[in-house]
Amino acid sequence: MKLVIAVIQDKDTHRLLTALTQEGFRATKLSSTGGFLREGNTTLLIGVEDERAERVLRIIQNTCRSREQLVTPLSPMGGPADSYIPYPVEITVGGATIFVLDVERFEQY
């Protein structure tokens, strides 16, 4: 058995959960916050049999896309803030960060 931990952007959550449910997979949804942009993310915990783990990864790959987003950088720490003029910067966000762990024991009551 495997435990797939997928950290995805909130915008992809509904679409991914729908795709997983249609294939018969269950997921536990946790709200999380990213460290870089400090925006909302969703972390999904998906328990799956070893032979079906690749299918889960394909669903995530096909559902969670990266996208471009404009952000305004924070003022530099310790520098003169009065001369700092923030300009929006385009960065790539989204996609998925996935961890696949072996599960030694699984019980459901």
Protein backbone atom coordinates (compact mmCIF):
# COMPACT_ATOMS: atom_id res chain seq x y z
CA MET A 1 0.00 0.00 0.00
CA LYS A 2 1.13 3.56 -0.74
CA LEU A 3 0.27 6.93 0.74
CA VAL A 4 0.30 9.68 -1.87
CA ILE A 5 0.64 13.16 -0.39
CA ALA A 6 -0.13 15.83 -2.98
CA VAL A 7 0.26 19.55 -2.28
CA ILE A 8 -1.71 21.44 -4.91
CA GLN A 9 -2.99 24.95 -5.51
CA ASP A 10 -6.50 25.63 -4.17
CA LYS A 11 -7.70 26.41 -7.71
CA ASP A 12 -7.11 22.77 -8.74
CA THR A 13 -8.74 21.11 -5.73
CA HIS A 14 -12.31 20.65 -6.97
CA ARG A 15 -11.24 19.38 -10.38
CA LEU A 16 -8.74 16.91 -8.89
CA LEU A 17 -11.14 15.56 -6.25
CA THR A 18 -13.79 15.06 -8.93
CA ALA A 19 -11.35 13.15 -11.17
CA LEU A 20 -10.14 10.97 -8.27
CA THR A 21 -13.70 10.17 -7.15
CA GLN A 22 -14.73 9.20 -10.68
CA GLU A 23 -11.90 6.63 -10.69
CA GLY A 24 -12.91 5.26 -7.29
CA PHE A 25 -10.15 6.82 -5.20
CA ARG A 26 -10.73 8.42 -1.81
CA ALA A 27 -8.80 11.39 -0.48
CA THR A 28 -8.54 13.34 2.74
CA LYS A 29 -8.32 17.09 2.14
CA LEU A 30 -6.25 19.33 4.41
CA SER A 31 -5.96 23.10 4.12
CA SER A 32 -2.36 24.28 4.02
CA THR A 33 -0.39 27.43 3.29
CA GLY A 34 2.60 27.75 1.00
CA GLY A 35 5.81 29.16 2.41
CA PHE A 36 6.87 31.22 -0.61
CA LEU A 37 3.74 33.16 -1.56
CA ARG A 38 1.92 32.48 1.72
CA GLU A 39 -1.22 31.60 -0.25
CA GLY A 40 -3.70 28.83 0.32
CA ASN A 41 -2.85 25.35 -0.84
CA THR A 42 -4.58 22.04 -0.42
CA THR A 43 -2.81 18.91 0.76
CA LEU A 44 -4.46 15.63 -0.20
CA LEU A 45 -3.75 12.33 1.51
CA ILE A 46 -4.58 9.42 -0.78
CA GLY A 47 -4.21 5.81 0.33
CA VAL A 48 -3.91 3.45 -2.63
CA GLU A 49 -2.89 -0.11 -3.46
CA ASP A 50 0.62 -0.39 -4.92
CA GLU A 51 -0.59 -1.34 -8.40
CA ARG A 52 -2.94 1.69 -8.61
CA ALA A 53 -0.45 4.34 -7.40
CA GLU A 54 0.69 5.20 -10.94
CA ARG A 55 -2.92 5.86 -11.96
CA VAL A 56 -3.29 8.38 -9.10
CA LEU A 57 -0.10 10.12 -10.19
CA ARG A 58 -1.36 10.36 -13.79
CA ILE A 59 -4.66 11.88 -12.64
CA ILE A 60 -2.78 14.49 -10.58
CA GLN A 61 -0.45 15.23 -13.50
CA ASN A 62 -3.36 15.68 -15.92
CA THR A 63 -5.41 17.80 -13.52
CA CYS A 64 -2.98 20.14 -11.74
CA ARG A 65 -1.40 22.56 -14.15
CA SER A 66 1.15 25.27 -13.53
CA ARG A 67 0.15 28.81 -14.49
CA GLU A 68 1.68 32.27 -14.59
CA GLN A 69 0.75 34.78 -11.87
CA LEU A 70 1.75 38.38 -11.19
CA VAL A 71 3.01 39.06 -7.66
CA THR A 72 4.38 42.16 -6.02
CA PRO A 73 7.61 41.41 -4.13
CA LEU A 74 7.93 42.39 -0.49
CA SER A 75 10.28 45.23 0.42
CA PRO A 76 13.84 44.10 1.17
CA MET A 77 14.61 43.53 4.83
CA GLY A 78 17.15 45.94 6.28
CA GLY A 79 17.29 48.12 3.17
CA PRO A 80 15.93 51.63 2.68
CA ALA A 81 12.19 51.08 2.18
CA ASP A 82 11.56 54.68 1.11
CA SER A 83 13.42 54.20 -2.21
CA TYR A 84 11.96 50.75 -2.88
CA ILE A 85 9.35 50.73 -5.67
CA PRO A 86 7.75 47.31 -6.04
CA TYR A 87 7.02 46.20 -9.58
CA PRO A 88 4.86 43.16 -10.26
CA VAL A 89 6.84 40.10 -11.27
CA GLU A 90 5.44 37.16 -13.23
CA ILE A 91 6.15 33.77 -11.65
CA THR A 92 5.03 30.21 -12.28
CA VAL A 93 2.65 28.76 -9.67
CA GLY A 94 0.51 25.68 -9.42
CA GLY A 95 1.22 22.17 -10.51
CA ALA A 96 1.70 19.67 -7.72
CA THR A 97 4.32 18.58 -5.24
CA ILE A 98 3.88 14.87 -4.60
CA PHE A 99 5.33 12.48 -2.04
CA VAL A 100 4.74 8.72 -2.33
CA LEU A 101 5.36 6.76 0.87
CA ASP A 102 5.24 3.05 1.61
CA VAL A 103 2.59 2.20 4.19
CA GLU A 104 3.57 -0.53 6.62
CA ARG A 105 0.10 -0.96 8.08
CA PHE A 106 -3.39 0.29 7.23
CA GLU A 107 -6.55 -0.09 9.29
CA GLN A 108 -10.00 1.37 8.76
CA TYR A 109 -12.80 1.20 11.34
